[in-house]
Amino acid sequence: MLHEAMLEIKKEHLQRFEQIKKQFLEKTRVPKENNWRRWINDEIWRYIIEQVIVVGNSKPAEKFRKDADLKRQVSYEELAKIKDENKVKRKINYVLRAVGTRYASSNILKCKKTDALAHNLRVLKTFNDGPKGLLRRLSEFEGPFADKRKIKYLMKNFKYVQSKSARDFLMELGTIKNAIALDIRIQNIFTKVGVHIPKGFEGNPKLYDEIERDILEKVCKPLNLIGVELDRMLYQNYRDITNMDFS
């Protein structure tokens, strides 16, 4: 399995990534280290909600982001003070369905996304200062494997937070640097550059880790980039990069 995950990165592939770097790195917004300290609890919680909403379709998350009333209804402070779990789930389910979230069932008992967010809220409430308490705890992880430990911690303790979304969340909040959130846009750019990424890694953390390790070693290091720089550069400039001519 590990051998299958190895990416074949040739000289011409690196040259294409070098072109992308020269053209887009300067205009890329890279999250600052530990920028979570400037976020309020509700902003962190909303980002967790969005990570669950986008599974299957990202457009409902954009709708949620723009609707102040819906955001208010599921704010961290609003939900955290409600003791009735069923009421919490009804509020979450209403908002999920109002923005057209994929896989959000009208039957609350069968809605896995509603259940996941209610669970995630319970986990956050166990920390002093809620979401910021979680990030404070993660910031205490040290050593050469700290980034991986943070990712595994989120995946273990939070529902609907998998390999890609855990990395995206932690990079955006400035708590990890060397990671790649392999969403479909980044996969498409690798395909355009000529690099084949094995299928089926999304639900296979070991395979995901191996692919990520290859990208960090074979693309980021030669180009003197950290993972979050490559990730955000490809994601934020997706349309322009896909229109590039490498011939």
Protein backbone atom coordinates (compact mmCIF):
# COMPACT_ATOMS: atom_id res chain seq x y z
CA MET A 1 0.00 0.00 0.00
CA LEU A 2 2.80 2.43 0.86
CA HIS A 3 4.53 1.81 -2.47
CA GLU A 4 1.27 2.45 -4.33
CA ALA A 5 0.96 5.85 -2.69
CA MET A 6 4.35 7.09 -3.85
CA LEU A 7 4.03 10.01 -6.27
CA GLU A 8 6.18 10.17 -9.36
CA ILE A 9 7.51 13.73 -9.42
CA LYS A 10 9.70 14.36 -12.46
CA LYS A 11 11.91 17.33 -13.30
CA GLU A 12 9.29 18.79 -15.66
CA HIS A 13 6.66 18.58 -12.92
CA LEU A 14 8.86 20.55 -10.54
CA GLN A 15 9.49 23.13 -13.25
CA ARG A 16 5.74 23.61 -13.63
CA PHE A 17 5.30 24.03 -9.88
CA GLU A 18 8.19 26.52 -9.98
CA GLN A 19 6.27 28.52 -12.62
CA ILE A 20 3.20 28.49 -10.38
CA LYS A 21 5.26 29.66 -7.41
CA LYS A 22 6.82 32.56 -9.32
CA GLN A 23 3.45 33.72 -10.58
CA PHE A 24 1.23 33.28 -7.53
CA LEU A 25 3.09 32.96 -4.22
CA GLU A 26 3.40 36.70 -3.60
CA LYS A 27 -0.35 37.24 -3.97
CA THR A 28 -1.27 34.26 -1.77
CA ARG A 29 -2.72 34.84 1.70
CA VAL A 30 -0.93 32.48 4.08
CA PRO A 31 -2.38 32.19 7.62
CA LYS A 32 -0.07 33.60 10.28
CA GLU A 33 1.25 31.30 12.98
CA ASN A 34 -1.13 31.02 15.97
CA ASN A 35 -3.61 33.44 14.41
CA TRP A 36 -6.34 31.56 16.33
CA ARG A 37 -5.47 33.81 19.26
CA ARG A 38 -7.17 36.68 17.40
CA TRP A 39 -10.29 34.64 16.63
CA ILE A 40 -13.29 34.65 18.96
CA ASN A 41 -14.98 31.40 20.01
CA ASP A 42 -17.88 31.85 17.61
CA GLU A 43 -15.56 32.30 14.61
CA ILE A 44 -13.75 29.05 15.44
CA TRP A 45 -17.04 27.21 15.96
CA ARG A 46 -18.45 28.53 12.68
CA TYR A 47 -15.39 27.23 10.88
CA ILE A 48 -16.05 23.78 12.36
CA ILE A 49 -19.67 24.02 11.16
CA GLU A 50 -18.44 24.91 7.67
CA GLN A 51 -16.04 21.94 7.63
CA VAL A 52 -19.07 19.67 8.17
CA ILE A 53 -21.33 21.53 5.72
CA VAL A 54 -18.88 21.33 2.81
CA VAL A 55 -18.74 17.51 2.75
CA GLY A 56 -20.46 16.65 -0.53
CA ASN A 57 -20.88 20.24 -1.75
CA SER A 58 -19.09 23.45 -0.80
CA LYS A 59 -21.71 25.97 -2.02
CA PRO A 60 -24.01 25.70 1.05
CA ALA A 61 -21.06 26.79 3.23
CA GLU A 62 -20.79 29.99 1.18
CA LYS A 63 -24.51 30.62 1.74
CA PHE A 64 -24.10 30.02 5.47
CA ARG A 65 -21.12 32.39 5.60
CA LYS A 66 -23.22 35.23 4.14
CA ASP A 67 -26.35 34.78 6.28
CA ALA A 68 -26.00 36.69 9.54
CA ASP A 69 -29.30 35.42 10.96
CA LEU A 70 -28.50 31.75 10.40
CA LYS A 71 -25.03 32.22 11.88
CA ARG A 72 -26.57 33.86 14.93
CA GLN A 73 -28.98 30.95 15.45
CA VAL A 74 -26.10 28.47 15.78
CA SER A 75 -23.53 30.75 17.41
CA TYR A 76 -21.36 29.03 20.00
CA GLU A 77 -22.69 31.21 22.83
CA GLU A 78 -26.29 30.59 21.76
CA LEU A 79 -25.97 26.80 21.58
CA ALA A 80 -23.65 26.34 24.56
CA LYS A 81 -26.23 27.71 27.00
CA ILE A 82 -28.98 25.33 25.82
CA LYS A 83 -29.22 22.28 28.08
CA ASP A 84 -31.79 20.39 26.02
CA GLU A 85 -29.79 18.32 23.50
CA ASN A 86 -32.81 17.87 21.24
CA LYS A 87 -33.29 21.63 21.01
CA VAL A 88 -29.62 22.02 20.06
CA LYS A 89 -30.06 19.44 17.31
CA ARG A 90 -33.23 21.11 16.01
CA LYS A 91 -31.43 24.44 15.68
CA ILE A 92 -28.45 22.86 13.94
CA ASN A 93 -30.62 20.82 11.60
CA TYR A 94 -32.73 23.85 10.66
CA VAL A 95 -29.63 25.83 9.65
CA LEU A 96 -28.07 22.92 7.77
CA ARG A 97 -31.23 22.45 5.72
CA ALA A 98 -31.82 26.20 5.25
CA VAL A 99 -28.54 26.52 3.33
CA GLY A 100 -29.11 23.30 1.37
CA THR A 101 -26.45 21.17 3.05
CA ARG A 102 -25.93 17.87 1.30
CA TYR A 103 -26.80 14.75 3.34
CA ALA A 104 -28.76 16.86 5.88
CA SER A 105 -31.85 14.74 6.49
CA SER A 106 -35.15 16.28 7.62
CA ASN A 107 -35.33 13.34 10.04
CA ILE A 108 -33.09 14.66 12.82
CA LEU A 109 -32.60 11.16 14.25
CA LYS A 110 -31.13 10.04 10.92
CA CYS A 111 -29.12 13.18 10.14
CA LYS A 112 -25.46 12.33 10.62
CA LYS A 113 -24.30 15.91 10.08
CA THR A 114 -26.65 17.18 12.79
CA ASP A 115 -25.45 14.46 15.13
CA ALA A 116 -21.81 15.26 14.29
CA LEU A 117 -22.13 18.97 15.08
CA ALA A 118 -24.04 18.31 18.30
CA HIS A 119 -21.25 15.91 19.30
CA ASN A 120 -18.54 18.42 18.34
CA LEU A 121 -20.27 21.09 20.42
CA ARG A 122 -20.28 18.77 23.45
CA VAL A 123 -16.55 18.17 23.01
CA LEU A 124 -15.80 21.89 22.79
CA LYS A 125 -17.80 22.57 25.95
CA THR A 126 -15.45 20.27 27.90
CA PHE A 127 -12.63 22.79 27.46
CA ASN A 128 -12.26 25.86 29.62
CA ASP A 129 -13.09 28.70 27.20
CA GLY A 130 -14.58 26.30 24.64
CA PRO A 131 -13.08 26.46 21.12
CA LYS A 132 -10.20 28.68 22.20
CA GLY A 133 -9.49 26.19 24.97
CA LEU A 134 -9.19 23.45 22.34
CA LEU A 135 -6.68 25.49 20.33
CA ARG A 136 -4.76 26.35 23.50
CA ARG A 137 -4.52 22.64 24.29
CA LEU A 138 -3.31 21.80 20.77
CA SER A 139 -0.70 24.57 20.92
CA GLU A 140 0.92 22.68 23.79
CA PHE A 141 1.78 19.75 21.50
CA GLU A 142 5.53 19.89 20.83
CA GLY A 143 8.25 17.95 19.05
CA PRO A 144 8.87 16.79 15.47
CA PHE A 145 5.51 14.98 15.25
CA ALA A 146 3.41 17.75 16.81
CA ASP A 147 1.54 18.57 13.57
CA LYS A 148 0.57 14.92 13.04
CA ARG A 149 -0.53 14.60 16.68
CA LYS A 150 -2.79 17.65 16.32
CA ILE A 151 -4.36 16.21 13.17
CA LYS A 152 -4.94 12.80 14.76
CA TYR A 153 -6.39 14.43 17.89
CA LEU A 154 -9.03 16.27 15.88
CA MET A 155 -9.88 13.21 13.79
CA LYS A 156 -10.25 11.06 16.89
CA ASN A 157 -12.35 13.45 18.97
CA PHE A 158 -14.52 15.24 16.40
CA LYS A 159 -17.09 13.74 14.05
CA TYR A 160 -17.05 14.52 10.30
CA VAL A 161 -13.52 15.87 10.67
CA GLN A 162 -11.29 13.68 8.53
CA SER A 163 -7.81 13.89 7.00
CA LYS A 164 -8.51 16.82 4.67
CA SER A 165 -10.78 18.88 6.92
CA ALA A 166 -8.58 18.47 10.01
CA ARG A 167 -5.62 19.85 8.09
CA ASP A 168 -7.63 22.68 6.56
CA PHE A 169 -8.94 23.73 9.98
CA LEU A 170 -5.55 23.61 11.69
CA MET A 171 -3.72 25.41 8.87
CA GLU A 172 -6.29 28.20 8.66
CA LEU A 173 -5.98 28.75 12.42
CA GLY A 174 -2.19 28.86 12.22
CA THR A 175 -1.53 25.79 14.36
CA ILE A 176 0.25 23.60 11.77
CA LYS A 177 2.54 24.50 8.86
CA ASN A 178 3.61 21.36 7.01
CA ALA A 179 0.41 19.81 5.76
CA ILE A 180 -1.69 19.64 2.59
CA ALA A 181 -5.50 19.68 2.55
CA LEU A 182 -6.05 17.55 -0.55
CA ASP A 183 -9.36 18.85 -1.80
CA ILE A 184 -10.56 18.37 -5.37
CA ARG A 185 -9.03 21.67 -6.57
CA ILE A 186 -5.54 20.72 -5.46
CA GLN A 187 -5.96 17.24 -6.94
CA ASN A 188 -7.01 18.80 -10.26
CA ILE A 189 -3.91 21.02 -10.30
CA PHE A 190 -1.64 18.03 -9.69
CA THR A 191 -3.36 16.28 -12.60
CA LYS A 192 -2.81 19.34 -14.81
CA VAL A 193 0.87 19.45 -13.85
CA GLY A 194 1.09 15.76 -14.80
CA VAL A 195 1.29 14.12 -11.38
CA HIS A 196 -1.03 11.18 -10.72
CA ILE A 197 -2.52 11.00 -7.22
CA PRO A 198 -3.84 7.53 -6.31
CA LYS A 199 -7.60 7.24 -5.83
CA GLY A 200 -9.32 6.30 -2.59
CA PHE A 201 -7.07 8.18 -0.18
CA GLU A 202 -9.86 10.34 1.27
CA GLY A 203 -11.09 7.59 3.58
CA ASN A 204 -7.68 6.02 4.15
CA PRO A 205 -5.59 8.08 6.64
CA LYS A 206 -2.42 6.01 6.09
CA LEU A 207 -2.60 6.46 2.32
CA TYR A 208 -3.35 10.16 2.78
CA ASP A 209 -0.31 10.55 5.07
CA GLU A 210 1.96 8.88 2.51
CA ILE A 211 0.75 11.08 -0.35
CA GLU A 212 1.15 14.18 1.81
CA ARG A 213 4.67 13.12 2.83
CA ASP A 214 5.62 12.77 -0.84
CA ILE A 215 4.28 16.23 -1.69
CA LEU A 216 6.16 17.80 1.21
CA GLU A 217 9.41 16.00 0.35
CA LYS A 218 9.29 16.02 -3.45
CA VAL A 219 7.55 19.33 -4.20
CA CYS A 220 7.75 21.65 -1.17
CA LYS A 221 11.36 21.02 -0.14
CA PRO A 222 12.92 21.50 -3.61
CA LEU A 223 10.89 24.69 -4.07
CA ASN A 224 11.68 25.98 -0.57
CA LEU A 225 8.01 26.08 0.40
CA ILE A 226 6.24 24.96 3.55
CA GLY A 227 3.10 22.89 3.14
CA VAL A 228 0.63 25.63 4.01
CA GLU A 229 2.20 27.94 1.40
CA LEU A 230 1.77 25.38 -1.38
CA ASP A 231 -1.72 24.45 -0.21
CA ARG A 232 -3.07 27.99 -0.02
CA MET A 233 -1.29 29.07 -3.20
CA LEU A 234 -2.94 26.27 -5.22
CA TYR A 235 -6.35 26.69 -3.59
CA GLN A 236 -6.62 30.48 -3.77
CA ASN A 237 -5.37 30.76 -7.36
CA TYR A 238 -7.14 27.68 -8.70
CA ARG A 239 -8.84 29.23 -11.72
CA ASP A 240 -5.75 31.07 -12.96
CA ILE A 241 -3.51 28.03 -12.46
CA THR A 242 -5.86 25.74 -14.38
CA ASN A 243 -5.71 28.22 -17.27
CA MET A 244 -1.90 28.15 -17.41
CA ASP A 245 -0.21 26.69 -20.50
CA PHE A 246 2.68 24.37 -19.59
CA SER A 247 3.39 23.22 -23.14
